[in-house]
Amino acid sequence: MLCQSPKRSRYPLPKIIGLVNRRYSDSYAKRYGHIVRIYQKRYFAKEVDSRLGLLTVSSYIHRNPIQTKQPMVERLELYPYSSFPLYWDDSLLAPVFLDRELLRGLLPTPFEQNNMAYCMYCLTYAQNAEEDEHAEDMEPPVM
């Protein structure tokens, strides 16, 4: 997930997402009698601080369904659990929190500044995103 948190947020985004993940996994375990962890690795967050970094991370996230050992779909626009189909087809209604103008505005030349060009960028360039090696304190914020 690539998201932007408010600059003066009272709660750090990594702690909020860690809490959401923990509550979901606890709920899942209780509902289905699951004993081991459902997530392979702990949640990590890293600030993206450049135009190229934002394009790299967004492309990496969008390409995940086809970059796995066994691809989840043949074509990215067919994966329903991603925002990629919303970039692929501008006529689809996007949720209010999705800014489809941001990424297309960051594309380097020779790409045009539109959503289809962003999709072509994602399909053309396989990206690598590195995980943060240090463990984070994942205690939930007190609410």
C-alpha atoms as a PDB file:
ATOM      1  CA  MET A   1       0.000   0.000   0.000  1.00  0.00           C
ATOM      2  CA  LEU A   2       1.323   3.419  -0.913  1.00  0.00           C
ATOM      3  CA  CYS A   3      -0.268   6.194   1.094  1.00  0.00           C
ATOM      4  CA  GLN A   4       0.357   9.664   2.373  1.00  0.00           C
ATOM      5  CA  SER A   5      -0.312  10.543   5.979  1.00  0.00           C
ATOM      6  CA  PRO A   6      -1.063  14.019   7.286  1.00  0.00           C
ATOM      7  CA  LYS A   7       2.122  15.922   8.154  1.00  0.00           C
ATOM      8  CA  ARG A   8       1.066  16.555  11.728  1.00  0.00           C
ATOM      9  CA  SER A   9      -0.566  13.239  12.451  1.00  0.00           C
ATOM     10  CA  ARG A  10      -0.822  12.382  16.125  1.00  0.00           C
ATOM     11  CA  TYR A  11      -0.262   8.696  15.362  1.00  0.00           C
ATOM     12  CA  PRO A  12       2.602   7.456  13.158  1.00  0.00           C
ATOM     13  CA  LEU A  13       1.362   5.583  10.099  1.00  0.00           C
ATOM     14  CA  PRO A  14       3.527   2.466  10.708  1.00  0.00           C
ATOM     15  CA  LYS A  15       1.958   1.987  14.139  1.00  0.00           C
ATOM     16  CA  ILE A  16      -1.575   2.405  12.762  1.00  0.00           C
ATOM     17  CA  ILE A  17      -1.013  -0.109   9.954  1.00  0.00           C
ATOM     18  CA  GLY A  18       0.691  -2.485  12.401  1.00  0.00           C
ATOM     19  CA  LEU A  19      -2.373  -2.296  14.636  1.00  0.00           C
ATOM     20  CA  VAL A  20      -4.730  -2.929  11.708  1.00  0.00           C
ATOM     21  CA  ASN A  21      -2.660  -5.936  10.608  1.00  0.00           C
ATOM     22  CA  ARG A  22      -2.559  -7.353  14.124  1.00  0.00           C
ATOM     23  CA  ARG A  23      -6.307  -6.954  14.679  1.00  0.00           C
ATOM     24  CA  TYR A  24      -7.088  -8.498  11.307  1.00  0.00           C
ATOM     25  CA  SER A  25      -4.799 -11.481  11.918  1.00  0.00           C
ATOM     26  CA  ASP A  26      -6.268 -11.996  15.411  1.00  0.00           C
ATOM     27  CA  SER A  27      -9.789 -11.879  13.983  1.00  0.00           C
ATOM     28  CA  TYR A  28      -8.864 -14.264  11.170  1.00  0.00           C
ATOM     29  CA  ALA A  29      -7.212 -16.690  13.611  1.00  0.00           C
ATOM     30  CA  LYS A  30     -10.245 -16.659  15.902  1.00  0.00           C
ATOM     31  CA  ARG A  31     -12.727 -17.105  13.033  1.00  0.00           C
ATOM     32  CA  TYR A  32     -10.906 -19.936  11.246  1.00  0.00           C
ATOM     33  CA  GLY A  33      -8.962 -21.550  14.090  1.00  0.00           C
ATOM     34  CA  HIS A  34      -5.699 -20.533  12.444  1.00  0.00           C
ATOM     35  CA  ILE A  35      -2.666 -20.938  14.705  1.00  0.00           C
ATOM     36  CA  VAL A  36       0.407 -19.695  12.816  1.00  0.00           C
ATOM     37  CA  ARG A  37       0.963 -16.168  11.525  1.00  0.00           C
ATOM     38  CA  ILE A  38      -0.964 -15.231   8.385  1.00  0.00           C
ATOM     39  CA  TYR A  39       1.582 -12.640   7.263  1.00  0.00           C
ATOM     40  CA  GLN A  40       4.947 -13.798   5.966  1.00  0.00           C
ATOM     41  CA  LYS A  41       6.856 -10.784   7.268  1.00  0.00           C
ATOM     42  CA  ARG A  42       6.233  -7.888   9.599  1.00  0.00           C
ATOM     43  CA  TYR A  43       4.852  -4.683   8.186  1.00  0.00           C
ATOM     44  CA  PHE A  44       7.505  -2.149   7.278  1.00  0.00           C
ATOM     45  CA  ALA A  45       7.269   1.442   6.173  1.00  0.00           C
ATOM     46  CA  LYS A  46       9.774   3.607   4.417  1.00  0.00           C
ATOM     47  CA  GLU A  47       9.347   7.218   3.416  1.00  0.00           C
ATOM     48  CA  VAL A  48       9.463   7.900  -0.299  1.00  0.00           C
ATOM     49  CA  ASP A  49      11.233  11.189  -0.828  1.00  0.00           C
ATOM     50  CA  SER A  50      11.657  11.622  -4.586  1.00  0.00           C
ATOM     51  CA  ARG A  51       9.704  11.558  -7.841  1.00  0.00           C
ATOM     52  CA  LEU A  52      11.596   8.513  -9.094  1.00  0.00           C
ATOM     53  CA  GLY A  53      11.134   6.804  -5.727  1.00  0.00           C
ATOM     54  CA  LEU A  54       7.377   7.317  -5.881  1.00  0.00           C
ATOM     55  CA  LEU A  55       7.214   5.880  -9.399  1.00  0.00           C
ATOM     56  CA  THR A  56       9.432   2.948  -8.398  1.00  0.00           C
ATOM     57  CA  VAL A  57       7.374   2.025  -5.338  1.00  0.00           C
ATOM     58  CA  SER A  58       4.009   2.450  -7.062  1.00  0.00           C
ATOM     59  CA  SER A  59       5.122   0.362 -10.039  1.00  0.00           C
ATOM     60  CA  TYR A  60       6.543  -2.311  -7.714  1.00  0.00           C
ATOM     61  CA  ILE A  61       3.232  -2.505  -5.826  1.00  0.00           C
ATOM     62  CA  HIS A  62       1.166  -2.627  -9.010  1.00  0.00           C
ATOM     63  CA  ARG A  63       3.394  -5.357 -10.520  1.00  0.00           C
ATOM     64  CA  ASN A  64       3.218  -7.649  -7.468  1.00  0.00           C
ATOM     65  CA  PRO A  65       0.388  -9.856  -8.852  1.00  0.00           C
ATOM     66  CA  ILE A  66       2.502 -10.820 -11.897  1.00  0.00           C
ATOM     67  CA  GLN A  67       5.938 -10.835 -10.213  1.00  0.00           C
ATOM     68  CA  THR A  68       5.192 -13.779  -7.925  1.00  0.00           C
ATOM     69  CA  LYS A  69       6.568 -17.274  -8.574  1.00  0.00           C
ATOM     70  CA  GLN A  70       3.137 -18.236  -9.815  1.00  0.00           C
ATOM     71  CA  PRO A  71       1.443 -15.094 -11.205  1.00  0.00           C
ATOM     72  CA  MET A  72      -1.981 -14.405  -9.732  1.00  0.00           C
ATOM     73  CA  VAL A  73      -3.310 -13.064 -13.042  1.00  0.00           C
ATOM     74  CA  GLU A  74      -2.155 -13.039 -16.640  1.00  0.00           C
ATOM     75  CA  ARG A  75      -2.741  -9.306 -17.021  1.00  0.00           C
ATOM     76  CA  LEU A  76      -2.483  -6.627 -14.332  1.00  0.00           C
ATOM     77  CA  GLU A  77      -5.717  -4.910 -15.303  1.00  0.00           C
ATOM     78  CA  LEU A  78      -7.548  -8.133 -14.372  1.00  0.00           C
ATOM     79  CA  TYR A  79      -6.366  -8.144 -10.742  1.00  0.00           C
ATOM     80  CA  PRO A  80      -9.353  -6.835  -8.741  1.00  0.00           C
ATOM     81  CA  TYR A  81      -7.501  -6.075  -5.476  1.00  0.00           C
ATOM     82  CA  SER A  82      -5.349  -3.302  -6.899  1.00  0.00           C
ATOM     83  CA  SER A  83      -5.809   0.247  -8.093  1.00  0.00           C
ATOM     84  CA  PHE A  84      -4.099  -0.669 -11.373  1.00  0.00           C
ATOM     85  CA  PRO A  85      -7.430  -1.351 -13.185  1.00  0.00           C
ATOM     86  CA  LEU A  86      -8.517   2.178 -12.208  1.00  0.00           C
ATOM     87  CA  TYR A  87      -5.479   3.605 -13.988  1.00  0.00           C
ATOM     88  CA  TRP A  88      -5.975   1.255 -16.943  1.00  0.00           C
ATOM     89  CA  ASP A  89      -9.579   2.348 -17.495  1.00  0.00           C
ATOM     90  CA  ASP A  90     -10.216   6.036 -16.751  1.00  0.00           C
ATOM     91  CA  SER A  91     -13.966   5.492 -17.085  1.00  0.00           C
ATOM     92  CA  LEU A  92     -14.060   3.406 -13.876  1.00  0.00           C
ATOM     93  CA  LEU A  93     -15.164   5.306 -10.806  1.00  0.00           C
ATOM     94  CA  ALA A  94     -12.238   5.670  -8.408  1.00  0.00           C
ATOM     95  CA  PRO A  95     -12.606   6.008  -4.627  1.00  0.00           C
ATOM     96  CA  VAL A  96     -12.239   9.551  -3.313  1.00  0.00           C
ATOM     97  CA  PHE A  97      -8.898   8.777  -1.664  1.00  0.00           C
ATOM     98  CA  LEU A  98      -7.219   7.724  -4.938  1.00  0.00           C
ATOM     99  CA  ASP A  99      -5.430  10.538  -6.769  1.00  0.00           C
ATOM    100  CA  ARG A 100      -5.007   9.247 -10.333  1.00  0.00           C
ATOM    101  CA  GLU A 101      -3.333  12.479 -11.446  1.00  0.00           C
ATOM    102  CA  LEU A 102      -0.301  12.320  -9.165  1.00  0.00           C
ATOM    103  CA  LEU A 103       1.622   9.408 -10.711  1.00  0.00           C
ATOM    104  CA  ARG A 104       1.068  10.341 -14.325  1.00  0.00           C
ATOM    105  CA  GLY A 105       2.522  13.760 -13.575  1.00  0.00           C
ATOM    106  CA  LEU A 106       5.772  12.165 -12.406  1.00  0.00           C
ATOM    107  CA  LEU A 107       6.502  10.170 -15.572  1.00  0.00           C
ATOM    108  CA  PRO A 108       9.840  10.870 -17.281  1.00  0.00           C
ATOM    109  CA  THR A 109      10.167  11.574 -20.985  1.00  0.00           C
ATOM    110  CA  PRO A 110       9.346  10.015 -23.476  1.00  0.00           C
ATOM    111  CA  PHE A 111       6.174   9.015 -21.590  1.00  0.00           C
ATOM    112  CA  GLU A 112       3.073  11.148 -22.024  1.00  0.00           C
ATOM    113  CA  GLN A 113       1.409  12.533 -18.911  1.00  0.00           C
ATOM    114  CA  ASN A 114      -1.662  10.284 -18.811  1.00  0.00           C
ATOM    115  CA  ASN A 115      -2.837   7.181 -16.966  1.00  0.00           C
ATOM    116  CA  MET A 116      -2.326   4.824 -19.910  1.00  0.00           C
ATOM    117  CA  ALA A 117       1.308   5.981 -20.108  1.00  0.00           C
ATOM    118  CA  TYR A 118       1.643   5.248 -16.369  1.00  0.00           C
ATOM    119  CA  CYS A 119       0.284   1.738 -17.010  1.00  0.00           C
ATOM    120  CA  MET A 120       2.788   1.248 -19.825  1.00  0.00           C
ATOM    121  CA  TYR A 121       5.550   2.405 -17.463  1.00  0.00           C
ATOM    122  CA  CYS A 122       4.459  -0.216 -14.905  1.00  0.00           C
ATOM    123  CA  LEU A 123       4.270  -2.949 -17.531  1.00  0.00           C
ATOM    124  CA  THR A 124       7.618  -2.051 -19.080  1.00  0.00           C
ATOM    125  CA  TYR A 125       9.859  -1.616 -16.050  1.00  0.00           C
ATOM    126  CA  ALA A 126      10.153  -4.254 -13.334  1.00  0.00           C
ATOM    127  CA  GLN A 127      11.077  -2.472 -10.115  1.00  0.00           C
ATOM    128  CA  ASN A 128      12.864  -3.562  -6.968  1.00  0.00           C
ATOM    129  CA  ALA A 129      11.860  -2.103  -3.632  1.00  0.00           C
ATOM    130  CA  GLU A 130      14.007  -2.881  -0.622  1.00  0.00           C
ATOM    131  CA  GLU A 131      12.622  -3.615   2.799  1.00  0.00           C
ATOM    132  CA  ASP A 132      13.834  -1.734   5.812  1.00  0.00           C
ATOM    133  CA  GLU A 133      16.247  -4.078   7.615  1.00  0.00           C
ATOM    134  CA  HIS A 134      15.765  -2.755  11.145  1.00  0.00           C
ATOM    135  CA  ALA A 135      12.874  -4.023  13.214  1.00  0.00           C
ATOM    136  CA  GLU A 136      10.322  -1.414  14.188  1.00  0.00           C
ATOM    137  CA  ASP A 137       8.485  -1.154  17.460  1.00  0.00           C
ATOM    138  CA  MET A 138       5.057  -2.406  16.455  1.00  0.00           C
ATOM    139  CA  GLU A 139       3.145  -1.668  19.658  1.00  0.00           C
ATOM    140  CA  PRO A 140      -0.271  -0.214  18.802  1.00  0.00           C
ATOM    141  CA  PRO A 141      -0.934   3.431  19.607  1.00  0.00           C
ATOM    142  CA  VAL A 142      -3.155   4.110  22.596  1.00  0.00           C
ATOM    143  CA  MET A 143      -6.487   5.392  21.285  1.00  0.00           C
END
